[in-house]
Amino acid sequence: MKNIRAIIITLMVAIAATFAISGNFTSTSPKDAFGHTNSIEHKTYPHQEIDLTERLEDGKELTVNDLRRGYKNGAFTVSQVVQAHLERIEEFEDTYNAFTFINEHALQEASEIQDRINKKQSPGRLAGVPVVLKETVDVTGFPSTFGWEGFSKEAGGIELLPQVDAPIVHKLKEEGAIILGKTNMPAFSISATNANTSWAGKTLNAIHPAFAPGGSSSGTATAVSGNLAVLGIAAETGGSIQNPAASQALIGVKPTFGLVSNTGAAPFAASTRDVLGPHARTVADAATMLDVIAGTDPEDPKTEKADANLPEEGYAAGLSEDSLEGKRIGLYGPGWRGESLSPETQELYDRAIQELEAQGAEVVTDPFAGSGFAKYVKATGNIGYDALVYDIQTYLNRMDPEGDIPTVTELFNQSATKPWAAGQPLQNFDETELQMNLQNPNQQPDLDYFFEARANFQSYINEVMEKHDLDAFVYPQMADEIPPLEEGIHQPTAAPEVNISGQPLVTVPAGFYQSGTPFSLAFFGEMWSEAELLAMAYDYEQSTQYREVPVLEAESATNTN
């Protein structure tokens, strides 16, 4: 599979070079990986070669605003930017294994966007921005595998081929984003630490291959952190946006449940907890992507309140370097959870608290003390997965409107190995309950108990915020440093709490452990408070600048793919 990918990417780069040499010509593309048939006119325009490697060696990672300026003033073309990223993927993908599928027509789409820019048409807010999508997100023409060998044709399983894009993909395309491909994840998204159970093999951490990449949005984080793409879409049910972002020194936005549609994404708990959100290298880029993907979706009733809670001027417009001034911030403590921080985590967190105070924030130690929250969380447990079968069936119904795809029951009956068997991703699920739900997969189970718990979680958090007049909470994202690739687990401090409550969280790089693993902060608060959280995170980011450009290795002894 790796050799095939390398050949495809090499051919794409060679074709692009041919375009640049041969001048103007017209080519009619076949049906591409996204199911589009376009007649694209390729032209050469005055530009300067963009040397992505040179930029990165100088510590200058491309941002969305860099691309906007460069395209506007003719410093480089969209095709050159996309080609530069494809060349980087070709160089490092065999080592890091970030991708499951590559868009073979990315360069053709880049040419089309460039043509729109040259004609001074409205190319979109993400025009020419190379983007990657977590494997869960449906793109027409790309298989949907759930990261599981049973649904991977390449691994000998059943192939599921979406006939329609997910709504989030439609939004990205409308705004001119160039989707480079889909990224690796563990089977059924079941790992908060790595993608080691994926049919496509392990994904490595861009910061250092020996570290766990974070899960389950492992490939998206590696692609964005490793500068194989500029932006990425991640997904979270129980830490899967924030963990990989923190593991790879990225900005991760776990949005309010219902702010971004999760329709058209392979589910784990779509009815209750699943969210899609940005991975980015800067807060400004994350805010820009959130501006594109947030909002009410007619296909997704869960998003009915989204438009009413969007900031009037947008998320990116609200960023300010004095956003922490006068803010009251709640700190991590036993009242939230009995789990203590490792000594080095506490040391790094203490430094971060001083940095928050230096920006004008006031901090409140352990505001949940005496609230009963930690006891309630422990008694409630990690809930919300009851509708797995129903959510998968609903997902399959949308994937193929013609109804040619078998039901989830039929798919599992056809698969050689059942996903709930010993050693399989769903082995910890109750098989009796799964089998019962598979008898009527279109019947949603009673979820009243979950939404009652969600309301209680929000009530506890809101009461604490009101009592202490808090604007947000800022915790260390992890209780201990990120584990090695092959052992240990990532220990987030605010999952599953924010996943059950449905409340938003933003991660920001905040330094490094002595081992070289990243340390990150988690900013979170009340429902729909993304604008405020991003603004505070931006202030912290700009005042500290802890993000460093990873130096990738073309070969790695730890790679076992």
Protein backbone atom coordinates (compact mmCIF):
# COMPACT_ATOMS: atom_id res chain seq x y z
CA MET A 1 0.00 0.00 0.00
CA LYS A 2 2.83 2.38 0.86
CA ASN A 3 4.57 1.80 -2.46
CA ILE A 4 1.33 2.39 -4.35
CA ARG A 5 0.83 5.69 -2.51
CA ALA A 6 4.38 6.77 -3.28
CA ILE A 7 3.92 5.98 -6.98
CA ILE A 8 0.66 7.94 -7.11
CA ILE A 9 2.17 10.97 -5.41
CA THR A 10 5.27 10.82 -7.63
CA LEU A 11 3.07 10.77 -10.75
CA MET A 12 1.02 13.72 -9.45
CA VAL A 13 4.16 15.76 -8.84
CA ALA A 14 5.57 14.83 -12.25
CA ILE A 15 2.32 15.84 -13.97
CA ALA A 16 2.36 19.16 -12.14
CA ALA A 17 5.89 19.83 -13.36
CA THR A 18 4.78 19.01 -16.90
CA PHE A 19 1.92 21.52 -16.58
CA ALA A 20 4.36 24.24 -15.55
CA ILE A 21 6.64 23.54 -18.53
CA SER A 22 4.11 23.02 -21.28
CA GLY A 23 2.16 26.24 -20.93
CA ASN A 24 -1.55 26.66 -21.57
CA PHE A 25 -3.72 23.71 -22.41
CA THR A 26 -7.12 22.30 -21.67
CA SER A 27 -7.73 18.91 -20.16
CA THR A 28 -10.94 17.14 -19.29
CA SER A 29 -10.52 15.18 -16.07
CA PRO A 30 -12.08 11.78 -15.46
CA LYS A 31 -14.40 11.27 -12.53
CA ASP A 32 -12.04 12.09 -9.69
CA ALA A 33 -11.71 10.76 -6.17
CA PHE A 34 -14.41 13.17 -5.01
CA GLY A 35 -16.90 12.16 -7.70
CA HIS A 36 -16.64 15.38 -9.72
CA THR A 37 -16.22 15.71 -13.47
CA ASN A 38 -14.63 19.02 -14.37
CA SER A 39 -13.14 20.58 -17.47
CA ILE A 40 -10.09 22.37 -16.09
CA GLU A 41 -7.93 24.89 -17.91
CA HIS A 42 -4.31 24.80 -16.75
CA LYS A 43 -2.21 27.92 -17.22
CA THR A 44 1.17 29.14 -16.13
CA TYR A 45 1.30 32.46 -14.30
CA PRO A 46 4.20 34.57 -13.03
CA HIS A 47 5.23 33.33 -9.62
CA GLN A 48 8.16 32.58 -7.38
CA GLU A 49 8.90 28.99 -6.44
CA ILE A 50 7.74 28.20 -2.90
CA ASP A 51 10.37 26.23 -1.02
CA LEU A 52 8.43 24.68 1.85
CA THR A 53 11.52 22.90 3.21
CA GLU A 54 13.46 26.16 3.36
CA ARG A 55 10.58 27.91 5.13
CA LEU A 56 10.35 25.16 7.74
CA GLU A 57 14.10 25.15 8.33
CA ASP A 58 13.77 28.87 9.04
CA GLY A 59 11.01 28.10 11.56
CA LYS A 60 8.25 29.58 9.37
CA GLU A 61 5.22 27.33 9.09
CA LEU A 62 2.61 28.34 6.51
CA THR A 63 -0.58 29.85 7.88
CA VAL A 64 -3.89 30.55 6.17
CA ASN A 65 -3.07 34.27 6.09
CA ASP A 66 0.35 33.51 4.54
CA LEU A 67 -1.42 31.66 1.74
CA ARG A 68 -4.01 34.38 1.23
CA ARG A 69 -1.30 37.04 0.91
CA GLY A 70 0.87 34.90 -1.34
CA TYR A 71 -1.97 34.07 -3.72
CA LYS A 72 -3.12 37.67 -3.82
CA ASN A 73 0.27 39.19 -4.62
CA GLY A 74 1.34 36.39 -6.98
CA ALA A 75 4.23 35.16 -4.83
CA PHE A 76 3.18 31.58 -5.56
CA THR A 77 0.29 29.61 -7.01
CA VAL A 78 -2.13 27.15 -5.44
CA SER A 79 -0.68 24.38 -7.57
CA GLN A 80 2.80 25.08 -6.25
CA VAL A 81 1.63 25.04 -2.63
CA VAL A 82 -0.25 21.78 -3.13
CA GLN A 83 2.69 20.29 -5.03
CA ALA A 84 5.06 21.27 -2.21
CA HIS A 85 2.87 19.46 0.32
CA LEU A 86 2.54 16.39 -1.91
CA GLU A 87 6.32 16.25 -2.24
CA ARG A 88 6.62 16.41 1.54
CA ILE A 89 4.05 13.62 1.90
CA GLU A 90 6.02 11.55 -0.61
CA GLU A 91 9.20 12.08 1.42
CA PHE A 92 7.83 11.28 4.87
CA GLU A 93 4.66 9.20 4.55
CA ASP A 94 6.44 5.85 4.52
CA THR A 95 7.82 6.74 7.95
CA TYR A 96 4.89 8.48 9.66
CA ASN A 97 1.90 6.74 8.03
CA ALA A 98 -0.46 9.67 8.50
CA PHE A 99 -2.71 8.88 5.52
CA THR A 100 -5.09 6.11 4.55
CA PHE A 101 -6.03 7.60 1.15
CA ILE A 102 -4.60 10.36 -1.06
CA ASN A 103 -6.71 12.55 -3.34
CA GLU A 104 -5.23 11.79 -6.77
CA HIS A 105 -6.78 14.93 -8.25
CA ALA A 106 -5.60 17.50 -5.72
CA LEU A 107 -3.43 19.25 -8.32
CA GLN A 108 -6.29 19.51 -10.79
CA GLU A 109 -8.47 21.07 -8.10
CA ALA A 110 -5.63 23.42 -7.18
CA SER A 111 -5.48 24.64 -10.78
CA GLU A 112 -9.21 25.34 -10.73
CA ILE A 113 -8.94 27.37 -7.51
CA GLN A 114 -5.99 29.30 -8.96
CA ASP A 115 -8.08 30.14 -12.01
CA ARG A 116 -10.81 31.54 -9.75
CA ILE A 117 -8.24 33.63 -7.89
CA ASN A 118 -6.76 35.00 -11.14
CA LYS A 119 -10.19 35.92 -12.43
CA LYS A 120 -10.83 37.76 -9.15
CA GLN A 121 -13.81 35.57 -8.43
CA SER A 122 -14.71 34.74 -4.82
CA PRO A 123 -12.53 31.69 -4.22
CA GLY A 124 -13.59 31.16 -0.59
CA ARG A 125 -12.20 31.67 2.89
CA LEU A 126 -9.96 28.58 2.63
CA ALA A 127 -9.05 29.01 -1.04
CA GLY A 128 -5.98 26.94 -1.85
CA VAL A 129 -5.48 25.73 1.72
CA PRO A 130 -4.30 22.08 1.88
CA VAL A 131 -6.59 20.23 4.29
CA VAL A 132 -6.78 16.65 5.56
CA LEU A 133 -9.77 14.78 7.01
CA LYS A 134 -9.90 12.10 9.66
CA GLU A 135 -10.78 8.73 8.13
CA THR A 136 -14.26 8.93 9.72
CA VAL A 137 -15.42 11.77 7.44
CA ASP A 138 -17.25 10.75 4.25
CA VAL A 139 -15.82 11.96 0.94
CA THR A 140 -17.39 10.73 -2.29
CA GLY A 141 -15.13 8.18 -3.92
CA PHE A 142 -13.03 7.45 -0.84
CA PRO A 143 -13.78 4.24 1.09
CA SER A 144 -15.05 4.51 4.66
CA THR A 145 -13.30 1.91 6.79
CA PHE A 146 -13.89 2.87 10.44
CA GLY A 147 -10.14 2.17 10.71
CA TRP A 148 -11.09 -1.51 10.95
CA GLU A 149 -9.77 -4.32 8.78
CA GLY A 150 -13.29 -5.77 8.44
CA PHE A 151 -14.36 -2.71 6.44
CA SER A 152 -11.13 -2.33 4.47
CA LYS A 153 -10.96 -3.85 1.01
CA GLU A 154 -7.17 -3.50 1.10
CA ALA A 155 -7.10 -5.65 4.25
CA GLY A 156 -9.46 -8.25 2.78
CA GLY A 157 -12.65 -6.84 4.27
CA ILE A 158 -15.91 -5.37 2.94
CA GLU A 159 -15.70 -2.04 1.10
CA LEU A 160 -18.05 0.82 2.01
CA LEU A 161 -18.01 3.58 -0.60
CA PRO A 162 -19.89 6.82 0.24
CA GLN A 163 -22.03 8.25 -2.56
CA VAL A 164 -22.37 11.68 -0.94
CA ASP A 165 -20.01 14.04 0.87
CA ALA A 166 -20.42 14.77 4.56
CA PRO A 167 -21.87 18.28 5.13
CA ILE A 168 -18.55 19.41 6.62
CA VAL A 169 -16.79 18.38 3.39
CA HIS A 170 -19.34 20.31 1.34
CA LYS A 171 -18.57 23.42 3.40
CA LEU A 172 -14.82 23.01 3.00
CA LYS A 173 -15.11 22.58 -0.76
CA GLU A 174 -17.41 25.59 -1.05
CA GLU A 175 -14.71 27.69 0.63
CA GLY A 176 -11.99 26.49 -1.75
CA ALA A 177 -10.09 24.07 0.51
CA ILE A 178 -7.93 21.48 -1.26
CA ILE A 179 -8.53 18.13 0.41
CA LEU A 180 -5.27 16.18 0.19
CA GLY A 181 -6.64 12.95 1.63
CA LYS A 182 -7.99 11.03 4.59
CA THR A 183 -5.94 10.26 7.69
CA ASN A 184 -5.30 7.24 9.84
CA MET A 185 -7.12 6.31 13.06
CA PRO A 186 -7.49 3.28 15.37
CA ALA A 187 -10.21 0.74 14.65
CA PHE A 188 -13.64 2.21 15.50
CA SER A 189 -11.80 5.23 16.99
CA ILE A 190 -11.17 3.21 20.15
CA SER A 191 -7.90 4.62 21.45
CA ALA A 192 -7.17 7.93 23.06
CA THR A 193 -3.45 7.32 22.63
CA ASN A 194 -2.54 5.95 19.20
CA ALA A 195 -3.69 4.34 15.94
CA ASN A 196 -1.93 1.02 16.52
CA THR A 197 -5.07 -1.05 15.80
CA SER A 198 -5.71 0.48 12.37
CA TRP A 199 -5.84 -1.77 9.30
CA ALA A 200 -3.37 0.70 7.75
CA GLY A 201 -0.77 0.29 10.48
CA LYS A 202 0.60 2.60 13.15
CA THR A 203 0.86 6.36 12.83
CA LEU A 204 3.92 8.04 14.33
CA ASN A 205 4.17 11.34 16.19
CA ALA A 206 5.61 14.24 14.16
CA ILE A 207 7.35 15.63 17.24
CA HIS A 208 9.28 12.38 17.68
CA PRO A 209 8.48 8.90 16.34
CA ALA A 210 9.01 7.29 19.74
CA PHE A 211 6.09 9.19 21.32
CA ALA A 212 2.45 8.15 21.02
CA PRO A 213 0.72 10.38 18.44
CA GLY A 214 -2.47 10.74 20.47
CA GLY A 215 -5.78 9.16 19.51
CA SER A 216 -8.03 8.73 17.89
CA SER A 217 -7.38 11.55 15.37
CA SER A 218 -3.78 10.38 15.10
CA GLY A 219 -3.20 10.85 11.37
CA THR A 220 -4.76 14.31 11.24
CA ALA A 221 -2.51 15.52 14.06
CA THR A 222 0.61 14.04 12.46
CA ALA A 223 -0.23 15.50 9.04
CA VAL A 224 -0.84 19.00 10.42
CA SER A 225 1.98 19.02 12.96
CA GLY A 226 4.38 17.54 10.42
CA ASN A 227 3.48 20.21 7.83
CA LEU A 228 2.05 17.63 5.43
CA ALA A 229 -1.08 19.83 5.38
CA VAL A 230 -2.04 23.25 6.74
CA LEU A 231 -5.32 22.34 8.45
CA GLY A 232 -7.10 19.18 9.49
CA ILE A 233 -10.47 17.89 10.60
CA ALA A 234 -10.37 15.72 13.72
CA ALA A 235 -13.18 14.00 15.63
CA GLU A 236 -13.75 13.44 19.33
CA THR A 237 -15.93 11.21 21.46
CA GLY A 238 -13.70 10.96 24.52
CA GLY A 239 -10.56 13.04 24.00
CA SER A 240 -9.86 12.29 20.34
CA ILE A 241 -9.41 15.91 19.20
CA GLN A 242 -7.65 17.24 22.28
CA ASN A 243 -5.32 14.28 22.94
CA PRO A 244 -3.61 14.20 19.51
CA ALA A 245 -3.44 18.00 19.44
CA ALA A 246 -1.74 18.07 22.85
CA SER A 247 0.53 15.16 21.89
CA GLN A 248 1.78 17.01 18.81
CA ALA A 249 1.88 20.65 19.97
CA LEU A 250 -1.21 21.74 18.04
CA ILE A 251 -4.31 23.81 18.54
CA GLY A 252 -7.31 21.51 18.84
CA VAL A 253 -10.90 22.71 19.08
CA LYS A 254 -13.38 20.28 20.60
CA PRO A 255 -16.58 22.26 19.87
CA THR A 256 -19.87 22.39 21.72
CA PHE A 257 -21.95 19.33 20.85
CA GLY A 258 -24.20 20.51 18.02
CA LEU A 259 -22.07 23.45 16.84
CA VAL A 260 -20.61 21.45 13.93
CA SER A 261 -22.60 18.77 12.14
CA ASN A 262 -21.36 15.21 12.69
CA THR A 263 -23.60 13.87 9.92
CA GLY A 264 -21.66 11.85 7.36
CA ALA A 265 -18.96 10.82 9.81
CA ALA A 266 -18.51 7.18 10.79
CA PRO A 267 -19.99 7.20 14.31
CA PHE A 268 -19.01 5.95 17.70
CA ALA A 269 -21.58 7.93 19.68
CA ALA A 270 -23.13 10.27 17.10
CA SER A 271 -26.39 10.73 19.01
CA THR A 272 -24.69 11.80 22.21
CA ARG A 273 -21.00 12.74 22.08
CA ASP A 274 -19.31 12.73 18.65
CA VAL A 275 -18.01 16.10 17.46
CA LEU A 276 -15.86 17.24 14.52
CA GLY A 277 -13.39 20.08 14.95
CA PRO A 278 -10.13 21.67 13.75
CA HIS A 279 -6.50 20.73 14.19
CA ALA A 280 -4.23 23.66 13.37
CA ARG A 281 -0.79 25.05 14.16
CA THR A 282 -2.09 28.46 15.25
CA VAL A 283 -5.18 29.66 17.07
CA ALA A 284 -5.97 32.04 14.20
CA ASP A 285 -6.00 29.16 11.71
CA ALA A 286 -8.20 27.05 14.00
CA ALA A 287 -10.64 29.95 14.39
CA THR A 288 -10.75 30.45 10.62
CA MET A 289 -11.60 26.82 10.04
CA LEU A 290 -14.26 26.92 12.76
CA ASP A 291 -15.81 29.92 11.00
CA VAL A 292 -16.21 27.70 7.93
CA ILE A 293 -17.52 24.49 9.50
CA ALA A 294 -19.73 25.76 12.35
CA GLY A 295 -23.44 26.36 11.94
CA THR A 296 -26.87 24.81 11.63
CA ASP A 297 -27.12 21.96 9.15
CA PRO A 298 -30.57 21.08 7.75
CA GLU A 299 -29.53 17.41 7.69
CA ASP A 300 -28.58 17.36 11.36
CA PRO A 301 -31.24 18.25 13.96
CA LYS A 302 -28.57 18.24 16.66
CA THR A 303 -27.26 21.52 15.19
CA GLU A 304 -30.55 23.42 15.36
CA LYS A 305 -29.19 25.89 17.97
CA ALA A 306 -25.84 26.46 16.26
CA ASP A 307 -26.63 29.52 14.10
CA ALA A 308 -28.18 31.32 17.06
CA ASN A 309 -24.93 30.89 19.00
CA LEU A 310 -22.40 31.95 16.37
CA PRO A 311 -20.42 35.15 17.11
CA GLU A 312 -21.69 38.00 14.95
CA GLU A 313 -18.28 38.84 13.48
CA GLY A 314 -16.94 35.29 13.49
CA TYR A 315 -14.40 33.45 15.61
CA ALA A 316 -11.25 34.72 13.88
CA ALA A 317 -12.38 38.35 14.10
CA GLY A 318 -12.64 38.14 17.89
CA LEU A 319 -9.01 37.22 18.56
CA SER A 320 -7.08 39.72 20.65
CA GLU A 321 -3.77 39.80 22.49
CA ASP A 322 -5.39 41.30 25.60
CA SER A 323 -8.22 38.77 25.93
CA LEU A 324 -6.91 37.38 29.23
CA GLU A 325 -6.86 40.78 30.91
CA GLY A 326 -9.25 40.72 33.86
CA LYS A 327 -10.49 37.19 33.16
CA ARG A 328 -11.15 34.90 36.11
CA ILE A 329 -9.79 31.41 35.47
CA GLY A 330 -10.59 28.25 37.42
CA LEU A 331 -7.68 25.88 38.03
CA TYR A 332 -7.44 22.09 38.15
CA GLY A 333 -7.85 20.51 41.59
CA PRO A 334 -9.30 17.59 43.60
CA GLY A 335 -12.79 19.09 43.42
CA TRP A 336 -12.83 18.34 39.68
CA ARG A 337 -11.19 14.93 39.87
CA GLY A 338 -9.22 13.02 42.47
CA GLU A 339 -6.44 12.23 40.01
CA SER A 340 -3.27 14.12 40.88
CA LEU A 341 -0.77 15.53 38.41
CA SER A 342 2.71 14.11 37.97
CA PRO A 343 5.43 16.25 39.57
CA GLU A 344 6.73 17.49 36.21
CA THR A 345 3.21 18.22 34.95
CA GLN A 346 2.55 20.23 38.10
CA GLU A 347 5.78 22.15 37.57
CA LEU A 348 4.87 22.99 33.97
CA TYR A 349 1.32 23.88 35.01
CA ASP A 350 2.61 26.21 37.75
CA ARG A 351 4.69 28.03 35.15
CA ALA A 352 1.67 28.30 32.84
CA ILE A 353 -0.41 29.77 35.68
CA GLN A 354 2.22 32.46 36.15
CA GLU A 355 2.09 33.16 32.41
CA LEU A 356 -1.70 33.51 32.55
CA GLU A 357 -1.37 35.93 35.46
CA ALA A 358 1.27 37.90 33.58
CA GLN A 359 -1.36 38.47 30.87
CA GLY A 360 -3.74 39.93 33.44
CA ALA A 361 -5.80 36.87 34.37
CA GLU A 362 -6.95 36.18 37.92
CA VAL A 363 -6.85 32.52 38.98
CA VAL A 364 -9.09 30.61 41.37
CA THR A 365 -7.65 27.46 42.94
CA ASP A 366 -9.83 24.32 42.83
CA PRO A 367 -13.19 26.08 42.36
CA PHE A 368 -15.02 22.70 42.36
CA ALA A 369 -13.98 22.00 45.97
CA GLY A 370 -17.08 21.11 47.98
CA SER A 371 -19.32 21.02 44.90
CA GLY A 372 -19.77 17.24 44.81
CA PHE A 373 -18.87 17.20 41.13
CA ALA A 374 -16.04 14.64 41.32
CA LYS A 375 -18.26 12.23 43.25
CA TYR A 376 -21.10 12.64 40.74
CA VAL A 377 -18.77 12.06 37.77
CA LYS A 378 -17.41 8.88 39.32
CA ALA A 379 -20.91 7.58 40.06
CA THR A 380 -22.12 8.39 36.54
CA GLY A 381 -19.34 6.60 34.71
CA ASN A 382 -18.26 6.92 31.08
CA ILE A 383 -21.67 6.82 29.40
CA GLY A 384 -23.34 7.57 26.07
CA TYR A 385 -22.47 4.65 23.76
CA ASP A 386 -25.84 2.85 23.80
CA ALA A 387 -26.86 3.98 20.29
CA LEU A 388 -23.80 2.61 18.47
CA VAL A 389 -25.77 0.21 16.27
CA TYR A 390 -28.50 2.78 15.55
CA ASP A 391 -25.92 5.47 14.79
CA ILE A 392 -24.05 3.20 12.35
CA GLN A 393 -27.28 2.26 10.58
CA THR A 394 -28.31 5.92 10.30
CA TYR A 395 -24.86 6.67 8.89
CA LEU A 396 -25.13 3.85 6.33
CA ASN A 397 -28.60 5.03 5.27
CA ARG A 398 -27.17 8.43 4.34
CA MET A 399 -23.97 7.07 2.79
CA ASP A 400 -25.91 5.45 -0.03
CA PRO A 401 -29.31 7.05 -0.75
CA GLU A 402 -30.06 4.28 -3.28
CA GLY A 403 -29.99 1.72 -0.48
CA ASP A 404 -27.49 -0.62 -2.13
CA ILE A 405 -25.30 -0.91 0.99
CA PRO A 406 -26.30 -3.77 3.31
CA THR A 407 -27.63 -3.00 6.79
CA VAL A 408 -25.20 -2.90 9.70
CA THR A 409 -26.58 -6.28 10.76
CA GLU A 410 -25.87 -7.77 7.34
CA LEU A 411 -22.40 -6.21 7.22
CA PHE A 412 -21.40 -7.71 10.55
CA ASN A 413 -22.85 -11.08 9.51
CA GLN A 414 -20.80 -10.94 6.30
CA SER A 415 -17.53 -10.00 8.01
CA ALA A 416 -15.16 -12.87 8.71
CA THR A 417 -14.40 -11.53 12.18
CA LYS A 418 -16.96 -9.87 14.43
CA PRO A 419 -15.81 -6.54 15.89
CA TRP A 420 -16.95 -7.62 19.38
CA ALA A 421 -14.85 -10.81 19.35
CA ALA A 422 -11.86 -11.15 21.68
CA GLY A 423 -9.02 -8.89 20.56
CA GLN A 424 -11.34 -6.84 18.32
CA PRO A 425 -12.18 -3.12 18.85
CA LEU A 426 -15.65 -3.67 20.39
CA GLN A 427 -14.59 -6.51 22.70
CA ASN A 428 -15.54 -4.50 25.80
CA PHE A 429 -19.10 -3.90 24.58
CA ASP A 430 -21.90 -6.09 25.89
CA GLU A 431 -22.37 -8.65 23.11
CA THR A 432 -25.89 -9.53 24.27
CA GLU A 433 -26.95 -5.89 24.06
CA LEU A 434 -25.25 -5.47 20.66
CA GLN A 435 -26.99 -8.53 19.28
CA MET A 436 -30.34 -7.29 20.56
CA ASN A 437 -29.83 -3.88 18.93
CA LEU A 438 -28.74 -5.53 15.67
CA GLN A 439 -32.16 -7.17 15.44
CA ASN A 440 -33.70 -3.73 14.86
CA PRO A 441 -30.88 -1.33 13.91
CA ASN A 442 -33.23 1.49 12.89
CA GLN A 443 -34.64 1.72 16.43
CA GLN A 444 -32.91 4.31 18.60
CA PRO A 445 -32.55 3.18 22.23
CA ASP A 446 -33.80 5.31 25.10
CA LEU A 447 -31.17 7.96 25.78
CA ASP A 448 -33.09 10.00 28.35
CA TYR A 449 -30.73 8.90 31.11
CA PHE A 450 -27.75 10.31 29.18
CA PHE A 451 -29.31 13.71 28.52
CA GLU A 452 -30.36 13.93 32.16
CA ALA A 453 -26.73 13.31 33.13
CA ARG A 454 -25.60 15.92 30.58
CA ALA A 455 -27.95 18.48 32.12
CA ASN A 456 -26.58 17.66 35.57
CA PHE A 457 -22.98 18.00 34.40
CA GLN A 458 -23.75 21.40 32.91
CA SER A 459 -25.58 22.44 36.07
CA TYR A 460 -22.59 21.60 38.28
CA ILE A 461 -20.18 23.45 35.98
CA ASN A 462 -22.42 26.51 35.53
CA GLU A 463 -23.04 26.78 39.28
CA VAL A 464 -19.31 26.73 39.98
CA MET A 465 -18.68 29.36 37.30
CA GLU A 466 -21.40 31.57 38.74
CA LYS A 467 -20.29 31.10 42.35
CA HIS A 468 -16.69 32.12 41.58
CA ASP A 469 -17.53 34.55 38.76
CA LEU A 470 -15.38 32.53 36.35
CA ASP A 471 -14.89 33.18 32.65
CA ALA A 472 -13.30 29.80 31.89
CA PHE A 473 -11.20 26.96 33.24
CA VAL A 474 -7.59 26.29 32.24
CA TYR A 475 -6.20 22.87 33.08
CA PRO A 476 -3.08 20.99 32.03
CA GLN A 477 -4.43 18.93 29.14
CA MET A 478 -2.66 15.82 30.44
CA ALA A 479 -2.07 14.55 33.97
CA ASP A 480 1.27 13.03 32.98
CA GLU A 481 3.56 13.21 29.99
CA ILE A 482 2.65 11.52 26.73
CA PRO A 483 3.52 7.80 26.78
CA PRO A 484 5.75 5.95 24.30
CA LEU A 485 4.23 4.64 21.08
CA GLU A 486 3.93 1.05 22.29
CA GLU A 487 2.89 1.39 25.92
CA GLY A 488 0.88 3.49 28.36
CA ILE A 489 -2.17 5.70 27.83
CA HIS A 490 -2.72 9.41 27.35
CA GLN A 491 -4.37 10.83 30.49
CA PRO A 492 -6.54 13.87 29.69
CA THR A 493 -7.80 15.90 32.64
CA ALA A 494 -11.11 16.96 31.06
CA ALA A 495 -12.36 13.89 29.20
CA PRO A 496 -14.93 12.39 29.47
CA GLU A 497 -16.29 15.33 31.48
CA VAL A 498 -16.46 17.75 28.56
CA ASN A 499 -17.73 14.98 26.26
CA ILE A 500 -20.64 14.06 28.50
CA SER A 501 -21.43 17.70 29.27
CA GLY A 502 -21.12 18.65 25.57
CA GLN A 503 -19.06 21.72 26.42
CA PRO A 504 -16.20 23.15 24.32
CA LEU A 505 -12.44 22.89 24.87
CA VAL A 506 -9.39 24.39 23.15
CA THR A 507 -5.85 23.04 23.49
CA VAL A 508 -2.75 25.26 23.23
CA PRO A 509 0.96 24.28 23.35
CA ALA A 510 2.50 25.32 26.67
CA GLY A 511 6.02 23.91 26.61
CA PHE A 512 7.79 20.58 26.72
CA TYR A 513 8.66 17.93 29.25
CA GLN A 514 12.35 17.13 29.79
CA SER A 515 11.86 14.08 27.56
CA GLY A 516 10.86 16.37 24.68
CA THR A 517 7.16 15.44 24.71
CA PRO A 518 4.80 18.43 24.39
CA PHE A 519 2.92 19.92 27.33
CA SER A 520 -0.39 21.64 26.56
CA LEU A 521 -3.13 23.61 28.28
CA ALA A 522 -6.86 22.99 27.91
CA PHE A 523 -9.12 26.06 27.93
CA PHE A 524 -12.79 25.15 28.43
CA GLY A 525 -16.01 26.75 29.58
CA GLU A 526 -19.76 26.96 29.20
CA MET A 527 -21.76 25.86 26.18
CA TRP A 528 -21.21 27.90 22.98
CA SER A 529 -18.23 29.79 24.47
CA GLU A 530 -15.78 28.93 21.65
CA ALA A 531 -15.26 32.60 20.76
CA GLU A 532 -14.17 33.50 24.28
CA LEU A 533 -12.01 30.39 24.66
CA LEU A 534 -10.25 30.95 21.35
CA ALA A 535 -9.60 34.59 22.22
CA MET A 536 -8.03 33.67 25.57
CA ALA A 537 -6.06 30.86 23.97
CA TYR A 538 -4.82 33.29 21.32
CA ASP A 539 -3.61 35.73 23.97
CA TYR A 540 -1.71 32.93 25.72
CA GLU A 541 -0.29 31.59 22.45
CA GLN A 542 0.94 35.01 21.30
CA SER A 543 2.59 35.78 24.63
CA THR A 544 4.41 32.43 24.94
CA GLN A 545 4.99 31.04 21.41
CA TYR A 546 5.82 27.50 22.51
CA ARG A 547 5.08 25.82 19.18
CA GLU A 548 8.27 24.62 17.44
CA VAL A 549 8.62 23.24 13.91
CA PRO A 550 9.13 19.46 14.11
CA VAL A 551 12.09 18.03 12.22
CA LEU A 552 10.81 14.92 10.44
CA GLU A 553 12.85 11.79 9.79
CA ALA A 554 12.74 10.17 6.36
CA GLU A 555 13.34 6.76 7.96
CA SER A 556 12.68 5.56 11.50
CA ALA A 557 13.70 2.40 13.32
CA THR A 558 10.49 2.61 15.35
CA ASN A 559 8.28 2.37 12.25
CA THR A 560 6.83 -1.14 12.04
CA ASN A 561 4.30 -0.57 9.22
